Protein backbone atom coordinates (compact mmCIF):
# COMPACT_ATOMS: atom_id res chain seq x y z
CA MET A 1 -84.00 -11.60 -29.57
CA SER A 2 -82.01 -12.48 -26.72
CA THR A 3 -83.69 -13.14 -23.21
CA ALA A 4 -80.46 -10.97 -21.34
CA PRO A 5 -82.38 -7.57 -21.97
CA LYS A 6 -85.92 -8.73 -20.59
CA ARG A 7 -84.07 -10.50 -17.59
CA THR A 8 -82.46 -6.96 -16.77
CA CYS A 9 -85.30 -5.63 -17.16
CA ILE A 10 -87.18 -7.70 -14.57
CA VAL A 11 -84.10 -7.52 -12.46
CA ARG A 12 -84.05 -3.86 -12.18
CA ALA A 13 -88.13 -3.40 -11.54
CA LEU A 14 -87.44 -6.22 -8.76
CA ALA A 15 -84.97 -4.47 -7.20
CA LEU A 16 -86.94 -0.95 -7.35
CA ALA A 17 -89.97 -2.34 -6.31
CA VAL A 18 -87.79 -3.72 -3.18
CA ALA A 19 -86.54 -0.42 -2.72
CA CYS A 20 -89.33 1.73 -2.81
CA ALA A 21 -91.02 -1.56 -0.09
CA ALA A 22 -87.90 -0.36 2.38
CA LEU A 23 -88.55 3.14 1.68
CA ALA A 24 -92.55 2.90 2.56
CA GLY A 25 -91.88 1.12 5.61
CA THR A 26 -88.82 3.37 6.88
CA THR A 27 -91.94 6.05 6.38
CA THR A 28 -94.00 4.25 8.53
CA THR A 29 -91.50 3.53 11.26
CA LEU A 30 -90.37 7.50 11.52
CA ALA A 31 -94.21 8.62 11.87
CA SER A 32 -94.88 5.82 14.59
CA ASP A 33 -91.24 7.07 16.14
CA ASP A 34 -92.87 10.57 16.35
CA VAL A 35 -95.90 9.28 17.61
CA GLY A 36 -94.49 7.18 20.07
CA LYS A 37 -91.41 9.69 21.05
CA LYS A 38 -94.86 12.32 22.17
CA LYS A 39 -96.13 9.68 23.95
CA ALA A 40 -93.00 9.22 25.71
CA ASP A 41 -92.46 12.32 26.69
CA GLU A 42 -95.92 12.77 27.67
CA ALA A 43 -96.18 9.85 29.87
CA CYS A 44 -92.84 8.10 30.12
CA ALA A 45 -89.90 10.72 30.57
CA ALA A 46 -90.74 11.90 34.02
CA CYS A 47 -89.66 8.23 35.66
CA HIS A 48 -87.80 6.80 32.76
CA GLY A 49 -86.00 9.95 31.79
CA PRO A 50 -85.29 11.38 28.13
CA GLU A 51 -85.46 8.60 25.65
CA GLY A 52 -86.10 5.91 28.23
CA ASN A 53 -82.86 6.24 29.10
CA LYS A 54 -81.69 7.96 32.60
CA PRO A 55 -84.45 6.50 35.15
CA ILE A 56 -85.10 8.96 38.39
CA THR A 57 -84.50 6.03 40.68
CA PRO A 58 -82.12 2.81 40.54
CA GLU A 59 -85.40 0.62 40.62
CA THR A 60 -87.11 2.65 38.01
CA PRO A 61 -86.16 0.48 34.77
CA ARG A 62 -84.02 2.03 31.55
CA LEU A 63 -86.43 1.16 28.88
CA ALA A 64 -84.08 2.28 25.65
CA GLY A 65 -82.94 -0.39 23.88
CA GLN A 66 -85.41 -3.12 25.33
CA GLN A 67 -87.03 -5.45 23.05
CA TYR A 68 -90.51 -4.79 21.26
CA ASP A 69 -92.52 -7.70 22.34
CA TYR A 70 -91.10 -7.36 26.15
CA LEU A 71 -92.48 -3.83 26.28
CA VAL A 72 -95.83 -4.30 24.36
CA GLN A 73 -96.36 -7.45 26.56
CA SER A 74 -95.32 -5.70 29.65
CA LEU A 75 -97.19 -2.85 29.19
CA ALA A 76 -100.18 -5.19 28.00
CA ALA A 77 -100.23 -6.70 31.82
CA TYR A 78 -99.87 -3.50 33.48
CA ARG A 79 -103.05 -2.18 31.77
CA LYS A 80 -104.68 -5.13 32.63
CA GLY A 81 -103.25 -5.90 35.91
CA THR A 82 -102.11 -8.93 35.73
CA ARG A 83 -98.94 -7.80 36.33
CA GLU A 84 -98.96 -5.24 39.43
CA ASN A 85 -96.91 -1.61 40.19
CA ALA A 86 -99.24 1.46 41.27
CA VAL A 87 -97.08 3.86 39.41
CA MET A 88 -97.16 1.88 36.05
CA SER A 89 -100.62 0.37 36.52
CA ALA A 90 -102.09 3.61 36.70
CA MET A 91 -99.90 4.94 33.64
CA ALA A 92 -100.81 1.74 31.02
CA LYS A 93 -104.29 1.96 32.31
CA PRO A 94 -105.84 4.34 29.79
CA LEU A 95 -103.05 3.42 26.74
CA THR A 96 -104.82 1.98 23.57
CA GLU A 97 -103.11 -0.77 21.69
CA LYS A 98 -101.76 0.99 19.33
CA GLU A 99 -100.33 3.80 21.83
CA ILE A 100 -98.26 0.51 23.42
CA ARG A 101 -97.21 -0.40 20.24
CA ASP A 102 -96.31 3.08 19.23
CA LEU A 103 -94.29 3.30 22.63
CA ALA A 104 -92.60 -0.60 22.38
CA GLY A 105 -91.52 0.47 19.00
CA TYR A 106 -89.96 3.86 20.10
CA PHE A 107 -88.17 2.57 23.00
CA SER A 108 -87.00 -0.47 21.16
CA ARG A 109 -84.94 1.94 18.69
CA GLN A 110 -83.27 4.09 21.00
CA GLN A 111 -79.73 3.68 21.78
CA GLY A 112 -79.65 1.56 25.11
CA LEU A 113 -78.06 -0.78 27.46
CA THR A 114 -75.28 -3.30 25.16
CA THR A 115 -73.65 -5.81 26.58
CA LYS A 116 -70.18 -7.05 25.91
CA ARG A 117 -69.51 -10.44 25.31
């Protein structure tokens, strides 16, 4: 018996495993986006606009498209009090670690500012 059919079978099994893992990650991302969107609509949209893309003042930053790690770090700093802004500190204080990650994930995946090079 040739080893070619065995190899083909193994390659197909690996491809199927990779596809399943990718789909599982997508489902988790979509569920997290729903949670992040809900929290963003409740807590952030009043100042940062829908999807974090239309701030109400020039001083209010656009959150859409920002880096995930930057958003997590900023919200955590507001929550701890190591970064100060009266409004943001009050908004971030009650957030859990999971809510911070959900918000950061949601805003980082939104279409935001782009830089032309």
